[in-house]
C-alpha atoms as a PDB file:
ATOM      1  CA  MET A   1     -12.461   0.856 -12.085  1.00  0.00           C
ATOM      2  CA  PRO A   2     -11.101  -2.721 -12.373  1.00  0.00           C
ATOM      3  CA  ASP A   3      -8.940  -3.510 -15.359  1.00  0.00           C
ATOM      4  CA  ASP A   4     -10.524  -6.312 -17.376  1.00  0.00           C
ATOM      5  CA  GLY A   5      -7.885  -6.272 -20.104  1.00  0.00           C
ATOM      6  CA  PRO A   6      -5.290  -8.977 -20.779  1.00  0.00           C
ATOM      7  CA  ARG A   7      -3.125  -9.761 -17.744  1.00  0.00           C
ATOM      8  CA  MET A   8       0.205  -8.909 -19.340  1.00  0.00           C
ATOM      9  CA  MET A   9       3.286  -7.567 -17.587  1.00  0.00           C
ATOM     10  CA  ASN A  10       6.243  -5.302 -18.123  1.00  0.00           C
ATOM     11  CA  LEU A  11       9.217  -7.614 -17.605  1.00  0.00           C
ATOM     12  CA  SER A  12      11.716  -4.798 -17.232  1.00  0.00           C
ATOM     13  CA  ALA A  13       9.764  -3.006 -14.526  1.00  0.00           C
ATOM     14  CA  LEU A  14       8.956  -6.243 -12.739  1.00  0.00           C
ATOM     15  CA  ARG A  15      12.570  -7.370 -12.510  1.00  0.00           C
ATOM     16  CA  GLY A  16      14.053  -3.938 -11.883  1.00  0.00           C
ATOM     17  CA  ASP A  17      16.587  -4.442 -14.670  1.00  0.00           C
ATOM     18  CA  SER A  18      15.474  -1.628 -16.987  1.00  0.00           C
ATOM     19  CA  GLU A  19      18.982  -0.122 -16.953  1.00  0.00           C
ATOM     20  CA  PHE A  20      20.344  -3.249 -18.592  1.00  0.00           C
ATOM     21  CA  ASN A  21      17.667  -3.631 -21.276  1.00  0.00           C
ATOM     22  CA  SER A  22      19.969  -2.024 -23.833  1.00  0.00           C
ATOM     23  CA  LEU A  23      22.649  -4.561 -22.855  1.00  0.00           C
ATOM     24  CA  ARG A  24      20.391  -7.540 -23.526  1.00  0.00           C
ATOM     25  CA  PRO A  25      21.754  -9.581 -26.475  1.00  0.00           C
ATOM     26  CA  GLN A  26      19.709  -9.205 -29.639  1.00  0.00           C
ATOM     27  CA  ARG A  27      20.664 -12.484 -31.318  1.00  0.00           C
ATOM     28  CA  PHE A  28      21.869 -15.937 -30.336  1.00  0.00           C
ATOM     29  CA  ALA A  29      25.402 -15.180 -31.529  1.00  0.00           C
ATOM     30  CA  ASP A  30      25.721 -12.572 -28.770  1.00  0.00           C
ATOM     31  CA  PHE A  31      24.421 -14.807 -25.975  1.00  0.00           C
ATOM     32  CA  ALA A  32      27.160 -15.904 -23.561  1.00  0.00           C
ATOM     33  CA  GLY A  33      26.789 -19.366 -22.044  1.00  0.00           C
ATOM     34  CA  GLN A  34      24.210 -22.179 -22.352  1.00  0.00           C
ATOM     35  CA  LYS A  35      25.897 -23.269 -25.603  1.00  0.00           C
ATOM     36  CA  GLN A  36      24.074 -26.578 -26.007  1.00  0.00           C
ATOM     37  CA  VAL A  37      20.695 -24.934 -25.373  1.00  0.00           C
ATOM     38  CA  VAL A  38      21.405 -22.108 -27.821  1.00  0.00           C
ATOM     39  CA  ASP A  39      22.683 -24.506 -30.491  1.00  0.00           C
ATOM     40  CA  ASN A  40      19.556 -26.661 -30.258  1.00  0.00           C
ATOM     41  CA  LEU A  41      17.281 -23.619 -30.258  1.00  0.00           C
ATOM     42  CA  SER A  42      19.018 -22.375 -33.395  1.00  0.00           C
ATOM     43  CA  VAL A  43      18.291 -25.672 -35.150  1.00  0.00           C
ATOM     44  CA  MET A  44      14.612 -25.531 -34.133  1.00  0.00           C
ATOM     45  CA  ILE A  45      14.279 -21.963 -35.391  1.00  0.00           C
ATOM     46  CA  ASP A  46      16.161 -22.575 -38.651  1.00  0.00           C
ATOM     47  CA  ALA A  47      13.941 -25.596 -39.332  1.00  0.00           C
ATOM     48  CA  ALA A  48      10.805 -23.565 -38.613  1.00  0.00           C
ATOM     49  CA  ARG A  49      12.002 -20.898 -41.043  1.00  0.00           C
ATOM     50  CA  ILE A  50      12.564 -23.519 -43.756  1.00  0.00           C
ATOM     51  CA  ARG A  51       9.034 -24.855 -43.204  1.00  0.00           C
ATOM     52  CA  GLN A  52       7.715 -21.279 -43.030  1.00  0.00           C
ATOM     53  CA  GLU A  53       5.818 -21.950 -39.829  1.00  0.00           C
ATOM     54  CA  PRO A  54       6.003 -20.787 -36.195  1.00  0.00           C
ATOM     55  CA  VAL A  55       8.582 -22.508 -34.022  1.00  0.00           C
ATOM     56  CA  GLU A  56       7.293 -25.231 -31.688  1.00  0.00           C
ATOM     57  CA  HIS A  57       6.353 -24.452 -28.095  1.00  0.00           C
ATOM     58  CA  ILE A  58       9.420 -24.241 -25.843  1.00  0.00           C
ATOM     59  CA  LEU A  59       9.888 -24.789 -22.104  1.00  0.00           C
ATOM     60  CA  PHE A  60      12.827 -23.405 -20.117  1.00  0.00           C
ATOM     61  CA  SER A  61      13.538 -24.652 -16.607  1.00  0.00           C
ATOM     62  CA  GLY A  62      16.226 -23.855 -14.069  1.00  0.00           C
ATOM     63  CA  PRO A  63      17.030 -21.533 -11.164  1.00  0.00           C
ATOM     64  CA  PRO A  64      16.137 -17.828 -11.385  1.00  0.00           C
ATOM     65  CA  GLY A  65      18.345 -15.402 -13.284  1.00  0.00           C
ATOM     66  CA  LEU A  66      19.918 -17.778 -15.810  1.00  0.00           C
ATOM     67  CA  GLY A  67      18.470 -16.207 -18.959  1.00  0.00           C
ATOM     68  CA  LYS A  68      15.031 -17.727 -19.534  1.00  0.00           C
ATOM     69  CA  THR A  69      13.465 -14.336 -20.239  1.00  0.00           C
ATOM     70  CA  THR A  70      16.373 -13.240 -22.425  1.00  0.00           C
ATOM     71  CA  LEU A  71      16.165 -16.426 -24.494  1.00  0.00           C
ATOM     72  CA  ALA A  72      12.433 -15.872 -24.997  1.00  0.00           C
ATOM     73  CA  HIS A  73      13.205 -12.407 -26.378  1.00  0.00           C
ATOM     74  CA  LEU A  74      15.888 -13.874 -28.635  1.00  0.00           C
ATOM     75  CA  ILE A  75      13.465 -16.458 -30.016  1.00  0.00           C
ATOM     76  CA  ALA A  76      11.094 -13.645 -30.960  1.00  0.00           C
ATOM     77  CA  ASN A  77      13.952 -11.657 -32.510  1.00  0.00           C
ATOM     78  CA  GLU A  78      15.256 -14.617 -34.500  1.00  0.00           C
ATOM     79  CA  MET A  79      11.737 -15.367 -35.778  1.00  0.00           C
ATOM     80  CA  GLN A  80      11.330 -11.667 -36.649  1.00  0.00           C
ATOM     81  CA  THR A  81       8.236 -11.312 -34.517  1.00  0.00           C
ATOM     82  CA  THR A  82       7.262  -9.710 -31.208  1.00  0.00           C
ATOM     83  CA  LEU A  83       6.875 -11.038 -27.683  1.00  0.00           C
ATOM     84  CA  VAL A  84       3.897 -10.780 -25.333  1.00  0.00           C
ATOM     85  CA  ALA A  85       4.649 -11.607 -21.691  1.00  0.00           C
ATOM     86  CA  SER A  86       2.614 -12.649 -18.687  1.00  0.00           C
ATOM     87  CA  SER A  87       3.038 -14.790 -15.581  1.00  0.00           C
ATOM     88  CA  GLY A  88       1.319 -17.801 -14.067  1.00  0.00           C
ATOM     89  CA  PRO A  89       0.191 -15.967 -10.901  1.00  0.00           C
ATOM     90  CA  LEU A  90      -1.563 -13.328 -13.061  1.00  0.00           C
ATOM     91  CA  MET A  91      -3.780 -15.962 -14.678  1.00  0.00           C
ATOM     92  CA  ASP A  92      -6.593 -16.144 -12.108  1.00  0.00           C
ATOM     93  CA  LYS A  93      -9.198 -17.645 -14.425  1.00  0.00           C
ATOM     94  CA  PRO A  94      -9.397 -19.106 -17.951  1.00  0.00           C
ATOM     95  CA  GLY A  95     -10.744 -15.812 -19.287  1.00  0.00           C
ATOM     96  CA  ASP A  96      -7.460 -14.081 -18.387  1.00  0.00           C
ATOM     97  CA  LEU A  97      -5.566 -16.530 -20.582  1.00  0.00           C
ATOM     98  CA  VAL A  98      -8.091 -16.460 -23.426  1.00  0.00           C
ATOM     99  CA  ALA A  99      -7.920 -12.648 -23.546  1.00  0.00           C
ATOM    100  CA  ILE A 100      -4.192 -12.830 -24.289  1.00  0.00           C
ATOM    101  CA  LEU A 101      -4.305 -15.820 -26.632  1.00  0.00           C
ATOM    102  CA  SER A 102      -7.051 -14.278 -28.751  1.00  0.00           C
ATOM    103  CA  SER A 103      -4.941 -11.135 -29.216  1.00  0.00           C
ATOM    104  CA  LEU A 104      -1.897 -12.973 -30.605  1.00  0.00           C
ATOM    105  CA  SER A 105      -1.037 -12.861 -34.278  1.00  0.00           C
ATOM    106  CA  THR A 106       0.428 -15.688 -36.351  1.00  0.00           C
ATOM    107  CA  GLY A 107       3.951 -16.575 -35.236  1.00  0.00           C
ATOM    108  CA  GLN A 108       3.909 -14.246 -32.233  1.00  0.00           C
ATOM    109  CA  VAL A 109       5.735 -15.426 -29.095  1.00  0.00           C
ATOM    110  CA  PHE A 110       3.777 -15.665 -25.841  1.00  0.00           C
ATOM    111  CA  PHE A 111       6.165 -15.809 -22.874  1.00  0.00           C
ATOM    112  CA  LEU A 112       4.559 -17.270 -19.748  1.00  0.00           C
ATOM    113  CA  ASP A 113       6.814 -16.966 -16.709  1.00  0.00           C
ATOM    114  CA  GLU A 114       6.296 -19.106 -13.591  1.00  0.00           C
ATOM    115  CA  ILE A 115       4.144 -21.429 -15.644  1.00  0.00           C
ATOM    116  CA  HIS A 116       4.146 -23.946 -12.782  1.00  0.00           C
ATOM    117  CA  ARG A 117       1.897 -21.563 -10.835  1.00  0.00           C
ATOM    118  CA  LEU A 118      -0.988 -21.671 -13.310  1.00  0.00           C
ATOM    119  CA  PRO A 119      -4.306 -22.627 -11.685  1.00  0.00           C
ATOM    120  CA  ARG A 120      -5.470 -26.037 -12.889  1.00  0.00           C
ATOM    121  CA  THR A 121      -8.514 -24.652 -14.737  1.00  0.00           C
ATOM    122  CA  VAL A 122      -6.286 -22.217 -16.639  1.00  0.00           C
ATOM    123  CA  GLU A 123      -3.768 -24.947 -17.422  1.00  0.00           C
ATOM    124  CA  GLU A 124      -6.475 -27.160 -18.888  1.00  0.00           C
ATOM    125  CA  THR A 125      -7.587 -24.298 -21.132  1.00  0.00           C
ATOM    126  CA  LEU A 126      -4.015 -24.067 -22.387  1.00  0.00           C
ATOM    127  CA  TYR A 127      -3.971 -27.691 -23.595  1.00  0.00           C
ATOM    128  CA  SER A 128      -6.208 -27.213 -26.645  1.00  0.00           C
ATOM    129  CA  ALA A 129      -4.641 -23.819 -27.354  1.00  0.00           C
ATOM    130  CA  MET A 130      -1.165 -25.366 -27.568  1.00  0.00           C
ATOM    131  CA  GLU A 131      -2.194 -28.467 -29.475  1.00  0.00           C
ATOM    132  CA  ASP A 132      -5.075 -27.436 -31.733  1.00  0.00           C
ATOM    133  CA  PHE A 133      -4.836 -23.622 -31.597  1.00  0.00           C
ATOM    134  CA  LYS A 134      -8.363 -23.215 -30.347  1.00  0.00           C
ATOM    135  CA  VAL A 135     -10.139 -22.756 -27.029  1.00  0.00           C
ATOM    136  CA  ASP A 136     -13.646 -23.680 -25.948  1.00  0.00           C
ATOM    137  CA  ILE A 137     -15.603 -20.970 -24.157  1.00  0.00           C
ATOM    138  CA  VAL A 138     -18.724 -21.800 -22.141  1.00  0.00           C
ATOM    139  CA  THR A 139     -21.392 -19.121 -22.214  1.00  0.00           C
ATOM    140  CA  GLY A 140     -24.471 -19.003 -20.027  1.00  0.00           C
ATOM    141  CA  SER A 141     -25.243 -21.471 -17.266  1.00  0.00           C
ATOM    142  CA  GLY A 142     -27.559 -24.333 -16.503  1.00  0.00           C
ATOM    143  CA  PRO A 143     -29.677 -25.801 -19.311  1.00  0.00           C
ATOM    144  CA  GLY A 144     -29.007 -22.734 -21.457  1.00  0.00           C
ATOM    145  CA  ALA A 145     -25.219 -23.086 -21.354  1.00  0.00           C
ATOM    146  CA  ARG A 146     -23.452 -23.628 -24.645  1.00  0.00           C
ATOM    147  CA  THR A 147     -19.879 -24.027 -25.801  1.00  0.00           C
ATOM    148  CA  ILE A 148     -18.306 -21.769 -28.392  1.00  0.00           C
ATOM    149  CA  THR A 149     -15.044 -22.784 -30.064  1.00  0.00           C
ATOM    150  CA  LEU A 150     -12.704 -19.831 -30.579  1.00  0.00           C
ATOM    151  CA  PRO A 151      -9.983 -20.389 -33.210  1.00  0.00           C
ATOM    152  CA  LEU A 152      -6.537 -18.952 -32.486  1.00  0.00           C
ATOM    153  CA  GLU A 153      -3.637 -17.900 -34.666  1.00  0.00           C
ATOM    154  CA  ARG A 154      -0.652 -20.256 -34.654  1.00  0.00           C
ATOM    155  CA  PHE A 155       1.487 -18.791 -31.883  1.00  0.00           C
ATOM    156  CA  THR A 156       4.583 -20.007 -30.034  1.00  0.00           C
ATOM    157  CA  LEU A 157       4.352 -20.476 -26.278  1.00  0.00           C
ATOM    158  CA  VAL A 158       7.606 -20.096 -24.364  1.00  0.00           C
ATOM    159  CA  GLY A 159       7.133 -21.262 -20.782  1.00  0.00           C
ATOM    160  CA  ALA A 160       9.589 -20.659 -17.949  1.00  0.00           C
ATOM    161  CA  THR A 161       9.724 -22.425 -14.608  1.00  0.00           C
ATOM    162  CA  THR A 162      12.014 -22.688 -11.622  1.00  0.00           C
ATOM    163  CA  ARG A 163      10.108 -25.754 -10.376  1.00  0.00           C
ATOM    164  CA  SER A 164       9.792 -28.158 -13.292  1.00  0.00           C
ATOM    165  CA  GLY A 165       8.766 -30.945 -10.923  1.00  0.00           C
ATOM    166  CA  MET A 166       5.531 -29.073 -10.227  1.00  0.00           C
ATOM    167  CA  LEU A 167       4.452 -29.166 -13.880  1.00  0.00           C
ATOM    168  CA  SER A 168       1.830 -31.732 -14.784  1.00  0.00           C
ATOM    169  CA  ALA A 169       2.811 -34.336 -17.369  1.00  0.00           C
ATOM    170  CA  PRO A 170       0.063 -33.277 -19.838  1.00  0.00           C
ATOM    171  CA  LEU A 171       1.373 -29.701 -19.853  1.00  0.00           C
ATOM    172  CA  ARG A 172       5.050 -30.636 -20.021  1.00  0.00           C
ATOM    173  CA  ASP A 173       4.497 -33.094 -22.863  1.00  0.00           C
ATOM    174  CA  ARG A 174       2.957 -30.404 -25.059  1.00  0.00           C
ATOM    175  CA  PHE A 175       6.275 -28.553 -25.335  1.00  0.00           C
ATOM    176  CA  GLY A 176       8.241 -29.620 -28.401  1.00  0.00           C
ATOM    177  CA  GLY A 177      11.469 -28.152 -27.029  1.00  0.00           C
ATOM    178  CA  GLN A 178      12.391 -28.628 -23.374  1.00  0.00           C
ATOM    179  CA  PHE A 179      15.614 -27.087 -22.086  1.00  0.00           C
ATOM    180  CA  HIS A 180      17.137 -26.971 -18.610  1.00  0.00           C
ATOM    181  CA  LEU A 181      19.457 -24.016 -18.015  1.00  0.00           C
ATOM    182  CA  GLU A 182      22.620 -24.661 -16.018  1.00  0.00           C
ATOM    183  CA  PHE A 183      24.658 -22.326 -13.828  1.00  0.00           C
ATOM    184  CA  TYR A 184      27.248 -20.319 -15.774  1.00  0.00           C
ATOM    185  CA  THR A 185      31.001 -20.772 -15.534  1.00  0.00           C
ATOM    186  CA  PRO A 186      33.125 -17.921 -14.129  1.00  0.00           C
ATOM    187  CA  GLU A 187      34.539 -17.368 -17.625  1.00  0.00           C
ATOM    188  CA  GLU A 188      31.050 -16.963 -19.114  1.00  0.00           C
ATOM    189  CA  LEU A 189      30.070 -14.555 -16.351  1.00  0.00           C
ATOM    190  CA  ALA A 190      33.274 -12.583 -16.893  1.00  0.00           C
ATOM    191  CA  THR A 191      32.274 -12.160 -20.548  1.00  0.00           C
ATOM    192  CA  ILE A 192      28.832 -10.909 -19.512  1.00  0.00           C
ATOM    193  CA  ILE A 193      30.400  -8.468 -17.042  1.00  0.00           C
ATOM    194  CA  SER A 194      32.772  -7.192 -19.744  1.00  0.00           C
ATOM    195  CA  ARG A 195      29.894  -6.482 -22.109  1.00  0.00           C
ATOM    196  CA  ALA A 196      27.922  -4.773 -19.346  1.00  0.00           C
ATOM    197  CA  THR A 197      30.795  -2.514 -18.312  1.00  0.00           C
ATOM    198  CA  ALA A 198      31.378  -1.569 -21.947  1.00  0.00           C
ATOM    199  CA  GLY A 199      27.734  -0.642 -22.329  1.00  0.00           C
ATOM    200  CA  MET A 200      27.850   1.356 -19.088  1.00  0.00           C
ATOM    201  CA  GLU A 201      31.110   3.045 -20.124  1.00  0.00           C
ATOM    202  CA  LEU A 202      32.869   1.698 -17.033  1.00  0.00           C
ATOM    203  CA  GLU A 203      36.505   0.657 -16.785  1.00  0.00           C
ATOM    204  CA  ILE A 204      37.275  -2.577 -14.969  1.00  0.00           C
ATOM    205  CA  ASP A 205      40.469  -4.565 -14.380  1.00  0.00           C
ATOM    206  CA  ASP A 206      40.640  -8.176 -15.538  1.00  0.00           C
ATOM    207  CA  LYS A 207      41.186  -9.368 -11.955  1.00  0.00           C
ATOM    208  CA  ALA A 208      38.160  -7.389 -10.770  1.00  0.00           C
ATOM    209  CA  ARG A 209      36.056  -8.875 -13.549  1.00  0.00           C
ATOM    210  CA  LEU A 210      37.078 -12.412 -12.599  1.00  0.00           C
ATOM    211  CA  PHE A 211      36.588 -11.670  -8.902  1.00  0.00           C
ATOM    212  CA  LEU A 212      33.008 -10.511  -9.500  1.00  0.00           C
ATOM    213  CA  ALA A 213      32.334 -13.507 -11.734  1.00  0.00           C
ATOM    214  CA  ALA A 214      33.562 -15.894  -9.034  1.00  0.00           C
ATOM    215  CA  HIS A 215      31.150 -14.351  -6.506  1.00  0.00           C
ATOM    216  CA  SER A 216      28.068 -14.262  -8.746  1.00  0.00           C
ATOM    217  CA  ARG A 217      26.689 -17.715  -7.877  1.00  0.00           C
ATOM    218  CA  GLY A 218      26.858 -18.820 -11.510  1.00  0.00           C
ATOM    219  CA  THR A 219      24.015 -16.402 -12.298  1.00  0.00           C
ATOM    220  CA  PRO A 220      24.105 -13.486 -14.788  1.00  0.00           C
ATOM    221  CA  ARG A 221      21.380 -11.542 -12.997  1.00  0.00           C
ATOM    222  CA  ILE A 222      23.412 -11.630  -9.786  1.00  0.00           C
ATOM    223  CA  ALA A 223      26.582 -10.670 -11.666  1.00  0.00           C
ATOM    224  CA  LEU A 224      24.861  -7.561 -13.037  1.00  0.00           C
ATOM    225  CA  ARG A 225      23.389  -6.707  -9.643  1.00  0.00           C
ATOM    226  CA  LEU A 226      26.790  -6.951  -7.957  1.00  0.00           C
ATOM    227  CA  LEU A 227      28.330  -4.888 -10.748  1.00  0.00           C
ATOM    228  CA  ARG A 228      25.814  -2.128 -10.066  1.00  0.00           C
ATOM    229  CA  ARG A 229      26.608  -2.116  -6.361  1.00  0.00           C
ATOM    230  CA  VAL A 230      30.369  -2.050  -6.980  1.00  0.00           C
ATOM    231  CA  ARG A 231      29.869   0.790  -9.438  1.00  0.00           C
ATOM    232  CA  ASP A 232      28.015   2.738  -6.716  1.00  0.00           C
ATOM    233  CA  PHE A 233      30.876   2.386  -4.238  1.00  0.00           C
ATOM    234  CA  VAL A 234      33.520   3.225  -6.833  1.00  0.00           C
ATOM    235  CA  GLN A 235      31.712   6.325  -8.059  1.00  0.00           C
ATOM    236  CA  VAL A 236      30.971   7.605  -4.549  1.00  0.00           C
ATOM    237  CA  SER A 237      34.628   7.167  -3.586  1.00  0.00           C
ATOM    238  CA  GLY A 238      35.691   9.218  -6.613  1.00  0.00           C
ATOM    239  CA  GLU A 239      37.492   6.371  -8.386  1.00  0.00           C
ATOM    240  CA  VAL A 240      37.318   6.000 -12.148  1.00  0.00           C
ATOM    241  CA  ARG A 241      38.122   2.298 -12.481  1.00  0.00           C
ATOM    242  CA  ILE A 242      36.923  -0.885 -10.788  1.00  0.00           C
ATOM    243  CA  THR A 243      39.889  -2.765  -9.350  1.00  0.00           C
ATOM    244  CA  GLU A 244      39.966  -6.116  -7.606  1.00  0.00           C
ATOM    245  CA  GLN A 245      40.419  -4.353  -4.272  1.00  0.00           C
ATOM    246  CA  SER A 246      37.493  -1.992  -4.820  1.00  0.00           C
ATOM    247  CA  ALA A 247      35.315  -4.924  -5.880  1.00  0.00           C
ATOM    248  CA  ARG A 248      36.425  -6.914  -2.830  1.00  0.00           C
ATOM    249  CA  ASP A 249      35.706  -3.992  -0.489  1.00  0.00           C
ATOM    250  CA  ALA A 250      32.266  -3.395  -2.005  1.00  0.00           C
ATOM    251  CA  LEU A 251      31.189  -7.040  -1.754  1.00  0.00           C
ATOM    252  CA  GLU A 252      32.376  -7.205   1.840  1.00  0.00           C
ATOM    253  CA  ARG A 253      30.292  -4.149   2.695  1.00  0.00           C
ATOM    254  CA  ILE A 254      27.120  -5.649   1.217  1.00  0.00           C
ATOM    255  CA  GLY A 255      27.670  -8.992   2.944  1.00  0.00           C
ATOM    256  CA  ILE A 256      28.827 -11.200   0.074  1.00  0.00           C
ATOM    257  CA  GLY A 257      31.342 -13.737   1.340  1.00  0.00           C
ATOM    258  CA  ALA A 258      33.467 -16.523  -0.067  1.00  0.00           C
ATOM    259  CA  LEU A 259      31.906 -18.539  -2.900  1.00  0.00           C
ATOM    260  CA  GLY A 260      29.344 -15.758  -3.357  1.00  0.00           C
ATOM    261  CA  LEU A 261      27.181 -16.739  -0.389  1.00  0.00           C
ATOM    262  CA  ASP A 262      25.215 -13.918   1.213  1.00  0.00           C
ATOM    263  CA  ARG A 263      24.111 -13.391   4.800  1.00  0.00           C
ATOM    264  CA  MET A 264      20.906 -15.416   4.385  1.00  0.00           C
ATOM    265  CA  ASP A 265      22.769 -18.364   2.861  1.00  0.00           C
ATOM    266  CA  ARG A 266      25.151 -18.453   5.798  1.00  0.00           C
ATOM    267  CA  GLU A 267      22.334 -18.161   8.320  1.00  0.00           C
ATOM    268  CA  ILE A 268      20.582 -21.131   6.720  1.00  0.00           C
ATOM    269  CA  LEU A 269      23.716 -23.251   7.038  1.00  0.00           C
ATOM    270  CA  VAL A 270      24.277 -22.133  10.637  1.00  0.00           C
ATOM    271  CA  ALA A 271      20.664 -22.909  11.562  1.00  0.00           C
ATOM    272  CA  ILE A 272      20.772 -26.395  10.063  1.00  0.00           C
ATOM    273  CA  ILE A 273      24.043 -27.187  11.826  1.00  0.00           C
ATOM    274  CA  GLN A 274      23.548 -25.521  15.197  1.00  0.00           C
ATOM    275  CA  ARG A 275      19.779 -25.590  15.721  1.00  0.00           C
ATOM    276  CA  PHE A 276      19.025 -28.887  14.018  1.00  0.00           C
ATOM    277  CA  SER A 277      22.268 -30.809  14.575  1.00  0.00           C
ATOM    278  CA  GLY A 278      23.101 -30.810  10.883  1.00  0.00           C
ATOM    279  CA  GLY A 279      19.655 -31.965   9.774  1.00  0.00           C
ATOM    280  CA  PRO A 280      17.612 -33.362   8.243  1.00  0.00           C
ATOM    281  CA  VAL A 281      15.230 -30.413   8.392  1.00  0.00           C
ATOM    282  CA  GLY A 282      12.307 -29.672   6.083  1.00  0.00           C
ATOM    283  CA  LEU A 283      11.524 -26.515   4.160  1.00  0.00           C
ATOM    284  CA  GLU A 284       8.422 -25.918   6.276  1.00  0.00           C
ATOM    285  CA  THR A 285      10.582 -25.714   9.385  1.00  0.00           C
ATOM    286  CA  LEU A 286      13.195 -23.480   7.761  1.00  0.00           C
ATOM    287  CA  SER A 287      10.425 -21.259   6.444  1.00  0.00           C
ATOM    288  CA  ALA A 288       9.073 -20.823   9.977  1.00  0.00           C
ATOM    289  CA  VAL A 289      12.530 -20.148  11.428  1.00  0.00           C
ATOM    290  CA  PHE A 290      13.389 -17.413   8.924  1.00  0.00           C
ATOM    291  CA  HIS A 291       9.861 -16.093   8.303  1.00  0.00           C
ATOM    292  CA  GLU A 292      10.516 -16.630   4.614  1.00  0.00           C
ATOM    293  CA  GLU A 293       8.397 -18.227   1.898  1.00  0.00           C
ATOM    294  CA  LYS A 294       9.265 -21.829   1.053  1.00  0.00           C
ATOM    295  CA  ASP A 295       9.517 -20.946  -2.628  1.00  0.00           C
ATOM    296  CA  VAL A 296      12.192 -18.333  -1.892  1.00  0.00           C
ATOM    297  CA  LEU A 297      14.249 -20.839   0.077  1.00  0.00           C
ATOM    298  CA  ALA A 298      13.822 -23.559  -2.547  1.00  0.00           C
ATOM    299  CA  GLU A 299      14.317 -21.403  -5.647  1.00  0.00           C
ATOM    300  CA  VAL A 300      16.731 -18.656  -4.573  1.00  0.00           C
ATOM    301  CA  HIS A 301      18.975 -19.974  -1.807  1.00  0.00           C
ATOM    302  CA  GLU A 302      18.983 -23.747  -2.072  1.00  0.00           C
ATOM    303  CA  PRO A 303      20.023 -24.509  -5.700  1.00  0.00           C
ATOM    304  CA  TYR A 304      23.443 -22.872  -5.508  1.00  0.00           C
ATOM    305  CA  MET A 305      24.270 -24.419  -2.133  1.00  0.00           C
ATOM    306  CA  LEU A 306      23.285 -27.802  -3.534  1.00  0.00           C
ATOM    307  CA  LYS A 307      25.559 -27.201  -6.508  1.00  0.00           C
ATOM    308  CA  LEU A 308      28.454 -26.312  -4.201  1.00  0.00           C
ATOM    309  CA  GLY A 309      27.855 -29.435  -2.139  1.00  0.00           C
ATOM    310  CA  LEU A 310      27.093 -27.477   1.045  1.00  0.00           C
ATOM    311  CA  LEU A 311      23.634 -29.006   1.329  1.00  0.00           C
ATOM    312  CA  ALA A 312      22.112 -32.325   0.373  1.00  0.00           C
ATOM    313  CA  ARG A 313      18.445 -33.239  -0.014  1.00  0.00           C
ATOM    314  CA  THR A 314      17.063 -36.424   1.487  1.00  0.00           C
ATOM    315  CA  PRO A 315      13.507 -37.797   1.769  1.00  0.00           C
ATOM    316  CA  ARG A 316      13.405 -36.419   5.332  1.00  0.00           C
ATOM    317  CA  GLY A 317      14.747 -32.948   4.573  1.00  0.00           C
ATOM    318  CA  ARG A 318      17.911 -30.918   4.040  1.00  0.00           C
ATOM    319  CA  VAL A 319      21.213 -31.884   5.652  1.00  0.00           C
ATOM    320  CA  ALA A 320      24.469 -29.968   5.961  1.00  0.00           C
ATOM    321  CA  THR A 321      27.467 -31.684   4.383  1.00  0.00           C
ATOM    322  CA  ALA A 322      31.054 -31.854   5.607  1.00  0.00           C
ATOM    323  CA  ARG A 323      31.865 -29.011   3.235  1.00  0.00           C
ATOM    324  CA  ALA A 324      29.300 -26.796   4.983  1.00  0.00           C
ATOM    325  CA  TYR A 325      31.060 -27.331   8.316  1.00  0.00           C
ATOM    326  CA  GLU A 326      34.403 -26.549   6.700  1.00  0.00           C
ATOM    327  CA  TYR A 327      33.026 -23.432   5.015  1.00  0.00           C
ATOM    328  CA  LEU A 328      31.857 -22.078   8.382  1.00  0.00           C
ATOM    329  CA  GLY A 329      35.134 -23.017  10.070  1.00  0.00           C
ATOM    330  CA  LEU A 330      33.495 -25.698  12.222  1.00  0.00           C
ATOM    331  CA  VAL A 331      34.783 -29.131  13.161  1.00  0.00           C
ATOM    332  CA  VAL A 332      33.252 -31.828  10.975  1.00  0.00           C
ATOM    333  CA  PRO A 333      31.507 -34.421  13.194  1.00  0.00           C
ATOM    334  CA  LYS A 334      33.108 -37.831  12.970  1.00  0.00           C
ATOM    335  CA  ASP A 335      29.710 -39.483  12.736  1.00  0.00           C
ATOM    336  CA  LEU A 336      28.495 -37.233   9.913  1.00  0.00           C
ATOM    337  CA  PRO A 337      26.759 -39.547   7.426  1.00  0.00           C
ATOM    338  CA  ALA A 338      27.780 -39.526   3.795  1.00  0.00           C
ATOM    339  CA  ALA A 339      25.670 -37.417   1.444  1.00  0.00           C
ATOM    340  CA  PRO A 340      22.876 -39.395  -0.246  1.00  0.00           C
ATOM    341  CA  LEU A 341      23.452 -40.766  -3.705  1.00  0.00           C
ATOM    342  CA  PHE A 342      20.234 -39.194  -4.953  1.00  0.00           C
ATOM    343  CA  ASP A 343      18.669 -35.758  -5.002  1.00  0.00           C
ATOM    344  CA  ASP A 344      15.134 -36.078  -3.674  1.00  0.00           C
ATOM    345  CA  GLU A 345      12.828 -33.058  -3.837  1.00  0.00           C
ATOM    346  CA  SER A 346      10.746 -34.279  -0.933  1.00  0.00           C
ATOM    347  CA  GLY A 347      11.363 -33.454   2.687  1.00  0.00           C
ATOM    348  CA  ASP A 348       9.336 -30.252   2.470  1.00  0.00           C
END
């Protein structure tokens, strides 16, 4: 029998991070990194408490794994309420959204991941819900159709997106707080790793902690994933402590190289340089070459290589920089053009 209930999701099961749920910070004071974002969120929440009203709608943008979901949980905790979660791809029709919105209580946090993937009809339903806390429902069809206005409790929408450029202006402008999450520093990641190892009752050397942090692509989710894999190797080998050497050996065995690049990252660079003469090459072409979705290339692999200066985006596509040649141990062409002075998201 089909399930006609609200299209909500279990974030822990979806992300495969259930082991680390107990390690998730419970308040802003325990959150490592994103200091400016956390400070501004704290002001918004304190002000909402003073006014005794729900906090304004909040939008988080940035690459995957930087803490958007965790911050949504913290907002709910700080407001002493609960969180209901769903995802843009689960919202097939306006009724899916209305079913969730109508179940929310005053002040409750509704976390909508991948909000950029909402169908247009669902997005338009969200406008009046965010602004006026009501939705219009059309019943019947033809001459007998009529519109019923359904009032909603005053909730807080927390949206998350990895592709903020795909959000329509009317939707984006309805968020009172808009925050872009940046990659974490190695020191911030080392702090996160320390807390995780303490919670897992693991021993780790300072050098090993810093080594893992330096290879985690500025991303807490990756840092925790690598920590799990290193733990596996250490435990299987009968060791009781993670050392820099054991961490180095484990990362080498799972294909993580210098700067934290994995096999797929390196293959992308090699393809651009060797198959496409350094570029430019569009995402459509790279997607066909690697049999990989464009979104995966654009959201998972590309941001960190852009940050490192290994790739540059141009209106015609992606190009490999001099640093990419050097990283792969290749001779930098003398006629290699300088990287563009802008970061264009076209060239797909």
